[in-house]
């Protein structure tokens, strides 16, 4: 029997890697591709959790989305999340990582890396409650500091004001996430040969020039990865809003994920929520494809 199996493997050696790949492929199909396709199909119906049958509406849910002012508010808030996150979580983290890699800071690297990475491992529920107290207009630390420093006119209910609610949530998210991205950049910077920095310093280049001419080009792949992570996370943000404002006040801080959740589980509009989920997927997938294409094109040009 062993000889027979050995003969089979010798005749068809390509079966061995396929057998190892098959479980992973089945899991990906079952938990990634099938839900995406099934959600797209469900978005073409009007149905609810308690409806006896699904009603075919075609693109009706998508046409309703285009006329829904809350959807456009949620999309605007997600775009604001993306822009601010790219500036602070990617740009700010890159600068922070460069500072952490300076010789005089590297002596205390364990302390600083712990300080900046610690918010990342804290539960979002805990972070949301913490910032709810910080933003409290009566006893919150932020408004008290503004009053003590003579800026009482700036005091407001940060999470209760339609003009500031989403920006307060975005600021909270930057505080929690910037340390994780900074450590990714630190790892990338540690792979840069020190001889390049020493040669640049001998040529008279200052730290800023070294940062733009050496550090940024050589951490380009990590910048692309951090951008993909940040943009995808910004379009799928959910917990931050639900823990703090639940989309209020007056839907001013809604994002696509929270509006999808409320449409599905509060308004019982499952088909409409499936359409929102499809939009989130298409946006995230499209942005990722564009970023990978740009990164691949830039790498080809640089290689050539």
Protein backbone atom coordinates (compact mmCIF):
# COMPACT_ATOMS: atom_id res chain seq x y z
CA UNK A 1 0.00 0.00 0.00
CA UNK A 2 2.83 2.40 0.83
CA UNK A 3 4.50 1.67 -2.51
CA UNK A 4 1.25 2.39 -4.32
CA UNK A 5 0.80 5.77 -2.60
CA UNK A 6 4.44 6.61 -3.26
CA UNK A 7 3.99 5.82 -6.93
CA UNK A 8 0.94 8.06 -7.06
CA UNK A 9 2.86 10.94 -5.46
CA UNK A 10 5.71 10.48 -7.89
CA UNK A 11 3.38 10.57 -10.86
CA UNK A 12 1.42 13.58 -9.60
CA UNK A 13 3.71 15.66 -7.38
CA UNK A 14 1.52 18.76 -7.83
CA UNK A 15 -1.21 17.16 -5.71
CA UNK A 16 0.82 17.53 -2.53
CA UNK A 17 0.86 21.35 -2.33
CA UNK A 18 -2.78 21.45 -3.46
CA UNK A 19 -3.77 19.18 -0.58
CA UNK A 20 -2.09 21.53 1.88
CA UNK A 21 -3.73 24.59 0.30
CA UNK A 22 -7.22 23.11 0.10
CA UNK A 23 -8.29 23.73 3.76
CA UNK A 24 -7.16 27.36 3.61
CA UNK A 25 -8.90 27.90 0.27
CA UNK A 26 -12.13 26.40 1.60
CA UNK A 27 -12.03 28.64 4.67
CA UNK A 28 -11.43 31.76 2.56
CA UNK A 29 -14.27 30.85 0.21
CA UNK A 30 -16.65 30.07 3.08
CA UNK A 31 -15.90 33.07 5.29
CA UNK A 32 -14.82 35.77 2.80
CA UNK A 33 -15.98 35.29 -0.78
CA UNK A 34 -19.33 33.64 -0.11
CA UNK A 35 -20.49 36.30 2.43
CA UNK A 36 -19.49 39.09 0.02
CA UNK A 37 -21.40 37.57 -2.90
CA UNK A 38 -24.38 36.64 -0.70
CA UNK A 39 -24.55 40.16 0.74
CA UNK A 40 -24.54 41.62 -2.77
CA UNK A 41 -27.44 39.32 -3.68
CA UNK A 42 -29.41 40.23 -0.54
CA UNK A 43 -28.99 43.94 -1.26
CA UNK A 44 -31.23 43.47 -4.30
CA UNK A 45 -34.22 42.59 -2.10
CA UNK A 46 -36.40 44.39 0.41
CA UNK A 47 -36.53 42.12 3.41
CA UNK A 48 -36.45 42.13 7.18
CA UNK A 49 -35.74 39.66 9.94
CA UNK A 50 -39.46 38.97 10.38
CA UNK A 51 -40.68 39.26 6.79
CA UNK A 52 -42.28 36.07 5.41
CA UNK A 53 -40.69 36.58 1.99
CA UNK A 54 -38.11 38.71 0.24
CA UNK A 55 -39.32 41.28 -2.28
CA UNK A 56 -37.16 41.84 -5.35
CA UNK A 57 -36.35 45.53 -5.78
CA UNK A 58 -33.26 45.32 -7.99
CA UNK A 59 -31.22 48.48 -7.51
CA UNK A 60 -33.98 50.10 -5.46
CA UNK A 61 -31.96 50.01 -2.25
CA UNK A 62 -29.06 51.74 -3.96
CA UNK A 63 -31.33 54.43 -5.41
CA UNK A 64 -32.73 54.98 -1.91
CA UNK A 65 -29.17 55.34 -0.62
CA UNK A 66 -28.44 58.14 -3.07
CA UNK A 67 -31.49 60.05 -1.79
CA UNK A 68 -30.73 59.42 1.90
CA UNK A 69 -29.15 62.52 3.56
CA UNK A 70 -27.91 60.39 6.48
CA UNK A 71 -25.96 58.20 4.06
CA UNK A 72 -24.18 61.24 2.63
CA UNK A 73 -23.46 62.51 6.15
CA UNK A 74 -22.00 59.14 7.07
CA UNK A 75 -19.91 59.03 3.90
CA UNK A 76 -18.64 62.57 4.56
CA UNK A 77 -17.66 61.60 8.10
CA UNK A 78 -15.80 58.54 6.82
CA UNK A 79 -13.91 60.67 4.31
CA UNK A 80 -13.01 63.10 7.11
CA UNK A 81 -11.81 60.10 9.12
CA UNK A 82 -9.60 59.03 6.20
CA UNK A 83 -8.03 62.46 5.65
CA UNK A 84 -7.25 63.10 9.31
CA UNK A 85 -6.00 59.55 9.84
CA UNK A 86 -3.63 59.76 6.88
CA UNK A 87 -2.19 63.00 8.20
CA UNK A 88 -1.75 61.90 11.82
CA UNK A 89 -1.64 58.10 11.81
CA UNK A 90 0.65 57.84 8.78
CA UNK A 91 2.40 61.21 8.50
CA UNK A 92 2.52 61.85 12.23
CA UNK A 93 3.55 58.29 13.02
CA UNK A 94 6.38 58.51 10.47
CA UNK A 95 7.76 61.64 12.17
CA UNK A 96 7.29 60.07 15.60
CA UNK A 97 9.13 56.92 14.54
CA UNK A 98 12.03 59.01 13.22
CA UNK A 99 12.25 60.79 16.57
CA UNK A 100 12.17 57.48 18.47
CA UNK A 101 15.07 56.25 16.32
CA UNK A 102 17.27 59.24 17.21
CA UNK A 103 20.34 58.28 19.21
CA UNK A 104 19.49 60.36 22.28
CA UNK A 105 15.95 58.91 22.44
CA UNK A 106 16.98 55.33 21.67
CA UNK A 107 18.44 54.99 25.15
CA UNK A 108 14.89 55.11 26.52
CA UNK A 109 13.29 53.18 23.66
CA UNK A 110 11.59 50.62 25.91
CA UNK A 111 9.85 53.35 27.90
CA UNK A 112 8.73 55.40 24.89
CA UNK A 113 7.59 52.40 22.85
CA UNK A 114 5.53 51.19 25.80
CA UNK A 115 3.97 54.62 26.28
CA UNK A 116 2.98 55.00 22.63
CA UNK A 117 1.89 51.39 22.06
CA UNK A 118 -0.12 51.01 25.30
CA UNK A 119 -3.27 52.79 23.99
CA UNK A 120 -3.44 50.29 21.13
CA UNK A 121 -4.03 47.33 23.45
CA UNK A 122 -6.70 49.10 25.52
CA UNK A 123 -10.25 48.06 24.75
CA UNK A 124 -12.20 50.55 22.65
CA UNK A 125 -14.98 50.44 25.24
CA UNK A 126 -12.55 51.61 27.90
CA UNK A 127 -11.09 54.28 25.59
CA UNK A 128 -14.58 55.51 24.68
CA UNK A 129 -15.61 55.82 28.32
CA UNK A 130 -12.33 57.58 29.15
CA UNK A 131 -12.80 60.19 26.44
CA UNK A 132 -16.48 60.59 27.32
CA UNK A 133 -15.33 61.79 30.73
CA UNK A 134 -12.60 63.95 29.18
CA UNK A 135 -15.12 65.62 26.85
CA UNK A 136 -17.75 66.11 29.55
CA UNK A 137 -18.73 69.82 29.59
CA UNK A 138 -19.23 69.92 33.37
CA UNK A 139 -16.34 67.96 34.85
CA UNK A 140 -14.26 67.03 31.81
CA UNK A 141 -10.55 67.75 31.93
CA UNK A 142 -10.48 69.40 28.48
CA UNK A 143 -13.08 72.09 29.25
CA UNK A 144 -11.58 72.70 32.68
CA UNK A 145 -8.15 73.30 31.15
CA UNK A 146 -9.67 75.67 28.59
CA UNK A 147 -11.35 77.62 31.38
CA UNK A 148 -8.18 77.80 33.48
CA UNK A 149 -6.12 79.02 30.51
CA UNK A 150 -8.57 81.81 29.69
CA UNK A 151 -10.28 80.14 26.73
CA UNK A 152 -13.73 79.76 28.28
CA UNK A 153 -15.34 80.71 24.96
CA UNK A 154 -14.04 77.43 23.52
CA UNK A 155 -15.81 75.34 26.16
CA UNK A 156 -18.55 73.19 24.68
CA UNK A 157 -20.19 69.78 24.86
CA UNK A 158 -17.77 68.18 22.42
CA UNK A 159 -19.76 65.00 21.91
CA UNK A 160 -23.13 66.75 22.17
CA UNK A 161 -22.49 69.43 19.55
CA UNK A 162 -23.28 68.60 15.93
CA UNK A 163 -20.30 70.67 14.77
CA UNK A 164 -17.70 68.91 16.92
CA UNK A 165 -18.97 65.40 17.68
CA UNK A 166 -17.31 63.58 14.78
CA UNK A 167 -14.06 65.56 15.16
CA UNK A 168 -13.88 64.66 18.85
CA UNK A 169 -14.28 60.97 17.96
CA UNK A 170 -11.64 61.22 15.24
CA UNK A 171 -9.20 62.83 17.70
CA UNK A 172 -9.79 59.95 20.14
CA UNK A 173 -9.06 57.43 17.39
CA UNK A 174 -5.78 59.12 16.46
CA UNK A 175 -4.59 58.96 20.06
CA UNK A 176 -5.25 55.24 20.21
CA UNK A 177 -3.84 54.20 16.83
CA UNK A 178 -0.81 56.39 16.15
CA UNK A 179 1.47 54.32 18.38
CA UNK A 180 0.83 51.10 16.46
CA UNK A 181 1.65 52.67 13.09
CA UNK A 182 4.70 54.38 14.60
CA UNK A 183 6.09 51.03 15.73
CA UNK A 184 5.59 49.63 12.23
CA UNK A 185 7.72 52.50 10.93
CA UNK A 186 10.30 51.90 13.64
CA UNK A 187 10.68 48.31 12.45
CA UNK A 188 11.06 49.51 8.85
CA UNK A 189 13.64 52.14 9.83
CA UNK A 190 15.73 49.62 11.71
CA UNK A 191 16.23 47.74 8.43
CA UNK A 192 17.85 50.78 6.80
CA UNK A 193 21.67 50.38 6.75
CA UNK A 194 23.29 52.77 9.22
CA UNK A 195 26.07 53.40 6.71
CA UNK A 196 23.66 55.50 4.66
CA UNK A 197 22.98 57.82 7.59
CA UNK A 198 26.67 58.04 8.45
CA UNK A 199 27.61 58.86 4.85
CA UNK A 200 24.92 61.53 4.64
CA UNK A 201 26.07 63.07 7.92
CA UNK A 202 29.66 63.15 6.67
CA UNK A 203 28.45 64.99 3.56
CA UNK A 204 26.95 67.67 5.78
CA UNK A 205 23.26 66.73 5.53
CA UNK A 206 21.17 67.75 8.54
CA UNK A 207 18.49 65.58 10.17
CA UNK A 208 15.62 67.03 8.15
CA UNK A 209 17.41 66.48 4.85
CA UNK A 210 18.34 62.94 5.87
CA UNK A 211 14.73 62.28 6.82
CA UNK A 212 13.38 63.36 3.41
CA UNK A 213 16.20 61.96 1.25
CA UNK A 214 16.90 58.64 2.98
CA UNK A 215 14.27 57.66 5.55
CA UNK A 216 11.09 58.39 3.61
CA UNK A 217 12.16 56.70 0.32
CA UNK A 218 13.43 53.59 2.12
CA UNK A 219 10.26 53.08 4.19
CA UNK A 220 8.05 53.48 1.15
CA UNK A 221 6.65 49.94 1.30
CA UNK A 222 5.74 50.32 4.96
CA UNK A 223 4.11 53.68 4.18
CA UNK A 224 1.96 51.95 1.57
CA UNK A 225 1.00 49.20 4.03
CA UNK A 226 0.22 51.73 6.78
CA UNK A 227 -1.91 53.75 4.35
CA UNK A 228 -3.93 50.68 3.35
CA UNK A 229 -4.47 49.72 7.00
CA UNK A 230 -5.44 53.27 7.93
CA UNK A 231 -7.85 53.88 5.05
CA UNK A 232 -9.52 50.49 5.42
CA UNK A 233 -9.90 51.04 9.15
CA UNK A 234 -11.31 54.54 8.61
CA UNK A 235 -14.03 53.23 6.30
CA UNK A 236 -14.91 50.37 8.65
CA UNK A 237 -14.83 52.37 11.90
CA UNK A 238 -17.69 51.33 14.18
CA UNK A 239 -16.84 50.86 17.85
CA UNK A 240 -15.53 54.39 18.36
CA UNK A 241 -18.86 55.92 17.36
CA UNK A 242 -21.12 53.38 19.05
CA UNK A 243 -19.35 53.67 22.40
CA UNK A 244 -19.46 57.48 22.46
CA UNK A 245 -22.35 59.02 20.49
CA UNK A 246 -24.10 56.13 18.67
CA UNK A 247 -24.23 58.40 15.63
CA UNK A 248 -25.73 61.44 17.37
CA UNK A 249 -26.54 64.15 17.93
CA UNK A 250 -29.07 64.28 15.09
CA UNK A 251 -27.00 61.78 13.06
CA UNK A 252 -24.12 64.28 12.90
CA UNK A 253 -21.49 61.66 13.79
CA UNK A 254 -22.87 58.76 11.78
CA UNK A 255 -20.41 56.70 9.76
CA UNK A 256 -21.26 54.06 7.19
CA UNK A 257 -20.84 51.13 9.58
CA UNK A 258 -23.05 52.61 12.31
CA UNK A 259 -25.73 53.59 9.81
CA UNK A 260 -25.63 50.06 8.42
CA UNK A 261 -26.02 48.65 11.95
CA UNK A 262 -28.93 50.93 12.80
CA UNK A 263 -30.64 50.25 9.48
CA UNK A 264 -30.36 46.50 10.02
CA UNK A 265 -30.95 45.96 13.73
CA UNK A 266 -32.94 49.04 14.77
CA UNK A 267 -34.95 49.86 11.65
CA UNK A 268 -35.12 46.22 10.48
CA UNK A 269 -34.24 47.21 6.91
CA UNK A 270 -31.94 44.31 6.13
CA UNK A 271 -31.83 44.80 2.37
CA UNK A 272 -31.00 48.48 2.79
CA UNK A 273 -28.26 47.60 5.28
CA UNK A 274 -26.87 45.03 2.84
CA UNK A 275 -26.61 47.78 0.23
CA UNK A 276 -24.63 49.95 2.67
CA UNK A 277 -22.35 47.00 3.41
CA UNK A 278 -21.75 46.53 -0.32
CA UNK A 279 -20.83 50.21 -0.67
CA UNK A 280 -18.35 49.90 2.21
CA UNK A 281 -16.78 46.84 0.58
CA UNK A 282 -16.53 48.47 -2.86
CA UNK A 283 -14.95 51.63 -1.47
CA UNK A 284 -12.40 49.77 0.66
CA UNK A 285 -11.58 47.28 -2.11
CA UNK A 286 -11.25 50.01 -4.73
CA UNK A 287 -8.93 52.13 -2.59
CA UNK A 288 -6.76 49.10 -1.77
CA UNK A 289 -6.46 48.19 -5.46
CA UNK A 290 -5.49 51.75 -6.38
CA UNK A 291 -2.89 51.92 -3.61
CA UNK A 292 -1.36 48.58 -4.59
CA UNK A 293 -1.28 49.63 -8.24
CA UNK A 294 0.39 52.94 -7.37
CA UNK A 295 2.88 51.15 -5.15
CA UNK A 296 3.68 48.56 -7.81
CA UNK A 297 4.06 51.26 -10.48
CA UNK A 298 6.40 53.28 -8.29
CA UNK A 299 8.46 50.19 -7.51
CA UNK A 300 8.75 49.39 -11.22
CA UNK A 301 9.89 52.92 -12.03
CA UNK A 302 12.41 52.86 -9.21
CA UNK A 303 13.76 49.50 -10.34
CA UNK A 304 14.06 50.65 -13.93
